[in-house]
Amino acid sequence: MNRTNSRTKNRKLIITSILGAITVALGFTPLGFIPLGILNATTLHIPVIIGAIVEGPLVGALVGLIFGISSIMRSIMNTTPLTPFIMNPLVSVLPRVLIGIFAGYTYIWVKKLDEKLLKNLSYIAWIICSAFLGYVLYSNIANGGTTMTIILSAIFLALSLFMLYYTNKKMNSDFAAVASSFIGSMTNTVFFLGMMYVLYAEQYMIAVGQPVELARKVIFGIAITSGIPEAILSVIVTTAVVKGVLLSKR
């Protein structure tokens, strides 16, 4: 029993270290941002969600802590008008820790639901993702997007369609990972922007050059236009990775 517990702790520590290192690497390289023409989606929170799903909320929270600390470090090294706000751990660290907690417990809870219900929900989720990415691909082609944005849009669309096909062919559902990914991503968006609004609404609006009285509208608009698309991409990438990891454990 002690040997098993020791192996489990060592595995969790190793996975936390690996995912934390990936998060830091994404933050300091262009790989942390995916250009899709009509939006630039961040991938920095994805390792946090993967850790939460594969190893539980504690590992997710620890990877989120690494994410938050690396955000402060990156902000110090590359100063922007938002640097003074990001230096506050309530803005840059707490939301990232909560990603792991919310995503991990969402996965645990959803896995307990009826399998047939989960499979039907998976169909709906992947149809929505595919429709959104089809629109992104069409917009990039119609508006003369760069070759890179068109290729990336096509890749994500193909991956989403594959997951839809996989859900149809396999009895086991991936909706727990889908829901966890979406909740984890939106946790990052809502709590980061929420803390920014509660603590620094006026200063934030001045920094981005917008009228102070429009603070709520602007921040809510960012949450909708960036948060939801990022959550959809998070669902696709995270679910594909988690599916591969869980299959390798069998």
Protein backbone atom coordinates (compact mmCIF):
# COMPACT_ATOMS: atom_id res chain seq x y z
CA MET A 1 0.00 0.00 0.00
CA ASN A 2 2.80 2.42 0.94
CA ARG A 3 4.65 1.57 -2.25
CA THR A 4 1.51 2.23 -4.30
CA ASN A 5 0.93 5.57 -2.58
CA SER A 6 4.56 6.52 -3.16
CA ARG A 7 4.28 5.70 -6.87
CA THR A 8 1.08 7.71 -7.13
CA LYS A 9 2.65 10.73 -5.44
CA ASN A 10 5.75 10.49 -7.64
CA ARG A 11 3.60 10.23 -10.78
CA LYS A 12 1.56 13.27 -9.79
CA LEU A 13 4.74 15.23 -9.03
CA ILE A 14 6.29 14.29 -12.38
CA ILE A 15 3.14 15.17 -14.34
CA THR A 16 2.82 18.47 -12.48
CA SER A 17 6.43 19.31 -13.34
CA ILE A 18 6.06 18.36 -17.00
CA LEU A 19 2.80 20.24 -17.53
CA GLY A 20 4.14 23.22 -15.58
CA ALA A 21 7.22 23.31 -17.82
CA ILE A 22 5.02 23.12 -20.92
CA THR A 23 2.93 26.02 -19.60
CA VAL A 24 6.02 28.16 -19.04
CA ALA A 25 7.36 27.27 -22.51
CA LEU A 26 4.04 28.20 -24.13
CA GLY A 27 4.05 31.53 -22.31
CA PHE A 28 7.48 32.54 -23.56
CA THR A 29 7.06 31.35 -27.16
CA PRO A 30 4.57 32.02 -29.99
CA LEU A 31 3.15 28.52 -29.39
CA GLY A 32 1.07 29.99 -26.57
CA PHE A 33 -1.12 31.83 -29.06
CA ILE A 34 -2.91 30.38 -32.09
CA PRO A 35 -3.79 32.86 -34.86
CA LEU A 36 -7.13 31.98 -36.46
CA GLY A 37 -7.77 35.18 -38.38
CA ILE A 38 -10.84 36.52 -36.60
CA LEU A 39 -9.29 35.77 -33.19
CA ASN A 40 -6.02 34.88 -31.49
CA ALA A 41 -6.66 32.07 -29.03
CA THR A 42 -4.39 31.39 -26.08
CA THR A 43 -3.34 27.83 -25.22
CA LEU A 44 -1.62 28.64 -21.92
CA HIS A 45 -4.41 27.25 -19.74
CA ILE A 46 -4.73 23.95 -21.58
CA PRO A 47 -1.98 22.08 -19.62
CA VAL A 48 -3.75 23.13 -16.40
CA ILE A 49 -7.00 21.53 -17.57
CA ILE A 50 -5.22 18.39 -18.79
CA GLY A 51 -3.55 17.98 -15.41
CA ALA A 52 -6.88 18.44 -13.62
CA ILE A 53 -8.61 15.81 -15.74
CA VAL A 54 -5.86 13.21 -15.80
CA GLU A 55 -4.60 13.53 -12.21
CA GLY A 56 -7.27 15.45 -10.32
CA PRO A 57 -8.00 18.96 -9.01
CA LEU A 58 -4.86 19.19 -6.84
CA VAL A 59 -2.48 18.62 -9.76
CA GLY A 60 -4.56 21.01 -11.86
CA ALA A 61 -4.33 23.66 -9.15
CA LEU A 62 -0.54 23.23 -8.87
CA VAL A 63 -0.06 23.55 -12.64
CA GLY A 64 -2.33 26.60 -12.48
CA LEU A 65 -0.10 28.06 -9.77
CA ILE A 66 2.89 27.63 -12.08
CA PHE A 67 0.87 29.27 -14.87
CA GLY A 68 0.06 32.25 -12.66
CA ILE A 69 3.62 32.75 -11.41
CA SER A 70 4.98 32.50 -14.96
CA SER A 71 2.45 35.17 -16.01
CA ILE A 72 3.97 37.55 -13.47
CA MET A 73 7.49 36.69 -14.63
CA ARG A 74 6.56 37.20 -18.28
CA SER A 75 4.92 40.52 -17.46
CA ILE A 76 8.05 41.71 -15.66
CA MET A 77 10.28 40.73 -18.59
CA ASN A 78 7.94 42.20 -21.22
CA THR A 79 6.22 45.20 -19.70
CA THR A 80 2.91 46.41 -21.11
CA PRO A 81 0.28 48.90 -19.90
CA LEU A 82 -1.35 45.94 -18.12
CA THR A 83 1.78 44.93 -16.17
CA PRO A 84 0.82 46.77 -12.93
CA PHE A 85 -2.47 44.86 -12.83
CA ILE A 86 -0.96 41.46 -13.63
CA MET A 87 1.55 41.88 -10.81
CA ASN A 88 -1.36 41.41 -8.39
CA PRO A 89 -1.69 37.64 -7.61
CA LEU A 90 -5.46 38.06 -7.29
CA VAL A 91 -5.52 38.87 -11.01
CA SER A 92 -2.77 36.65 -12.39
CA VAL A 93 -2.47 33.69 -9.98
CA LEU A 94 -5.82 33.02 -8.28
CA PRO A 95 -7.84 32.61 -11.52
CA ARG A 96 -5.25 30.14 -12.86
CA VAL A 97 -5.35 28.03 -9.68
CA LEU A 98 -9.14 27.99 -9.89
CA ILE A 99 -8.92 26.61 -13.45
CA GLY A 100 -7.52 23.36 -12.10
CA ILE A 101 -10.00 23.16 -9.24
CA PHE A 102 -13.10 23.88 -11.33
CA ALA A 103 -12.00 21.69 -14.26
CA GLY A 104 -11.03 18.78 -12.02
CA TYR A 105 -14.24 18.68 -10.02
CA THR A 106 -16.36 19.21 -13.14
CA TYR A 107 -14.76 16.12 -14.67
CA ILE A 108 -15.37 14.06 -11.51
CA TRP A 109 -19.01 15.16 -11.30
CA VAL A 110 -19.91 14.74 -14.98
CA LYS A 111 -18.37 11.23 -15.12
CA LYS A 112 -21.08 10.13 -12.68
CA LEU A 113 -23.91 10.98 -15.09
CA ASP A 114 -25.77 8.48 -17.28
CA GLU A 115 -23.61 7.23 -20.17
CA LYS A 116 -26.35 7.58 -22.79
CA LEU A 117 -26.99 11.17 -21.73
CA LEU A 118 -23.27 11.92 -21.89
CA LYS A 119 -23.01 10.52 -25.39
CA ASN A 120 -25.92 12.64 -26.62
CA LEU A 121 -24.37 15.71 -25.02
CA SER A 122 -21.09 14.85 -26.74
CA TYR A 123 -22.85 14.86 -30.12
CA ILE A 124 -24.27 18.31 -29.45
CA ALA A 125 -20.94 19.68 -28.19
CA TRP A 126 -18.95 18.46 -31.21
CA ILE A 127 -21.58 19.67 -33.67
CA ILE A 128 -21.38 23.15 -32.11
CA CYS A 129 -17.57 23.09 -32.21
CA SER A 130 -17.55 21.95 -35.84
CA ALA A 131 -20.07 24.61 -36.87
CA PHE A 132 -18.06 27.34 -35.17
CA LEU A 133 -14.79 26.22 -36.76
CA GLY A 134 -16.48 25.86 -40.13
CA TYR A 135 -17.53 29.50 -39.81
CA VAL A 136 -13.97 30.49 -38.83
CA LEU A 137 -12.53 28.66 -41.86
CA TYR A 138 -15.12 30.22 -44.20
CA SER A 139 -14.42 33.71 -42.81
CA ASN A 140 -10.68 33.31 -43.29
CA ILE A 141 -11.09 32.14 -46.88
CA ALA A 142 -13.71 34.78 -47.76
CA ASN A 143 -11.75 37.63 -46.17
CA GLY A 144 -8.40 36.67 -47.64
CA GLY A 145 -6.82 35.32 -44.47
CA THR A 146 -3.20 34.24 -44.40
CA THR A 147 -2.24 30.73 -45.44
CA MET A 148 -1.31 29.90 -41.85
CA THR A 149 -4.67 30.94 -40.40
CA ILE A 150 -6.53 28.98 -43.08
CA ILE A 151 -4.42 25.86 -42.46
CA LEU A 152 -4.83 26.08 -38.69
CA SER A 153 -8.58 26.61 -39.02
CA ALA A 154 -8.83 23.59 -41.31
CA ILE A 155 -6.79 21.44 -38.92
CA PHE A 156 -8.97 22.31 -35.94
CA LEU A 157 -12.13 21.73 -37.99
CA ALA A 158 -10.84 18.32 -39.10
CA LEU A 159 -9.97 17.43 -35.51
CA SER A 160 -13.43 18.46 -34.32
CA LEU A 161 -15.11 16.39 -37.04
CA PHE A 162 -12.92 13.42 -36.12
CA MET A 163 -14.00 13.69 -32.48
CA LEU A 164 -17.63 13.76 -33.66
CA TYR A 165 -17.00 10.62 -35.71
CA TYR A 166 -15.18 8.98 -32.80
CA THR A 167 -18.10 9.71 -30.47
CA ASN A 168 -20.46 8.03 -32.96
CA LYS A 169 -18.30 4.91 -33.31
CA LYS A 170 -17.35 4.35 -29.68
CA MET A 171 -19.69 3.56 -26.82
CA ASN A 172 -17.73 5.52 -24.22
CA SER A 173 -18.42 9.25 -24.10
CA ASP A 174 -15.88 12.04 -23.88
CA PHE A 175 -18.36 14.64 -22.65
CA ALA A 176 -16.80 14.74 -19.18
CA ALA A 177 -13.57 16.00 -20.77
CA VAL A 178 -15.55 18.35 -23.02
CA ALA A 179 -17.41 19.91 -20.10
CA SER A 180 -14.29 20.10 -17.94
CA SER A 181 -12.33 21.80 -20.73
CA PHE A 182 -15.05 24.36 -21.37
CA ILE A 183 -15.57 25.15 -17.67
CA GLY A 184 -11.83 25.37 -17.05
CA SER A 185 -11.29 27.76 -19.95
CA MET A 186 -14.23 29.98 -18.98
CA THR A 187 -13.00 29.99 -15.37
CA ASN A 188 -9.78 31.57 -16.61
CA THR A 189 -11.65 34.19 -18.64
CA VAL A 190 -14.33 35.05 -16.08
CA PHE A 191 -12.10 35.26 -13.01
CA PHE A 192 -9.20 37.04 -14.75
CA LEU A 193 -11.42 39.69 -16.32
CA GLY A 194 -13.66 39.75 -13.25
CA MET A 195 -10.74 40.53 -10.95
CA MET A 196 -9.51 43.10 -13.44
CA TYR A 197 -12.93 44.76 -13.37
CA VAL A 198 -13.40 44.64 -9.59
CA LEU A 199 -9.91 45.86 -8.71
CA TYR A 200 -8.77 47.97 -11.66
CA ALA A 201 -11.75 48.88 -13.86
CA GLU A 202 -10.87 52.57 -14.18
CA GLN A 203 -7.11 52.05 -14.55
CA TYR A 204 -7.70 49.24 -17.06
CA MET A 205 -9.90 51.38 -19.29
CA ILE A 206 -7.33 54.17 -19.24
CA ALA A 207 -4.59 51.67 -20.13
CA VAL A 208 -6.50 50.35 -23.16
CA GLY A 209 -7.60 53.83 -24.22
CA GLN A 210 -11.35 53.40 -23.67
CA PRO A 211 -13.88 55.61 -21.82
CA VAL A 212 -14.06 54.65 -18.15
CA GLU A 213 -17.87 54.57 -18.15
CA LEU A 214 -17.79 51.72 -20.69
CA ALA A 215 -15.73 49.44 -18.44
CA ARG A 216 -18.42 46.82 -17.85
CA LYS A 217 -19.44 46.71 -21.51
CA VAL A 218 -15.87 46.44 -22.80
CA ILE A 219 -14.75 43.77 -20.34
CA PHE A 220 -17.95 41.75 -20.83
CA GLY A 221 -17.48 42.05 -24.59
CA ILE A 222 -13.95 40.65 -24.33
CA ALA A 223 -15.24 37.76 -22.24
CA ILE A 224 -17.79 36.85 -24.94
CA THR A 225 -15.76 37.47 -28.11
CA SER A 226 -12.53 35.89 -26.83
CA GLY A 227 -13.58 33.67 -23.95
CA ILE A 228 -16.09 31.46 -25.74
CA PRO A 229 -13.97 30.85 -28.90
CA GLU A 230 -10.96 30.06 -26.68
CA ALA A 231 -13.12 27.66 -24.68
CA ILE A 232 -14.16 25.86 -27.87
CA LEU A 233 -10.54 25.47 -29.00
CA SER A 234 -9.64 24.32 -25.50
CA VAL A 235 -12.33 21.65 -25.74
CA ILE A 236 -10.90 20.32 -29.01
CA VAL A 237 -7.23 20.25 -28.00
CA THR A 238 -7.75 19.09 -24.43
CA THR A 239 -10.24 16.34 -25.27
CA ALA A 240 -7.98 14.94 -28.00
CA VAL A 241 -4.95 14.90 -25.68
CA VAL A 242 -6.86 13.47 -22.72
CA LYS A 243 -8.40 10.78 -24.90
CA GLY A 244 -4.93 9.70 -26.01
CA VAL A 245 -3.55 9.72 -22.46
CA LEU A 246 -6.45 7.72 -21.02
CA LEU A 247 -6.29 5.15 -23.83
CA SER A 248 -2.54 4.70 -23.21
CA LYS A 249 -3.26 3.83 -19.56
CA ARG A 250 -5.44 0.86 -20.50
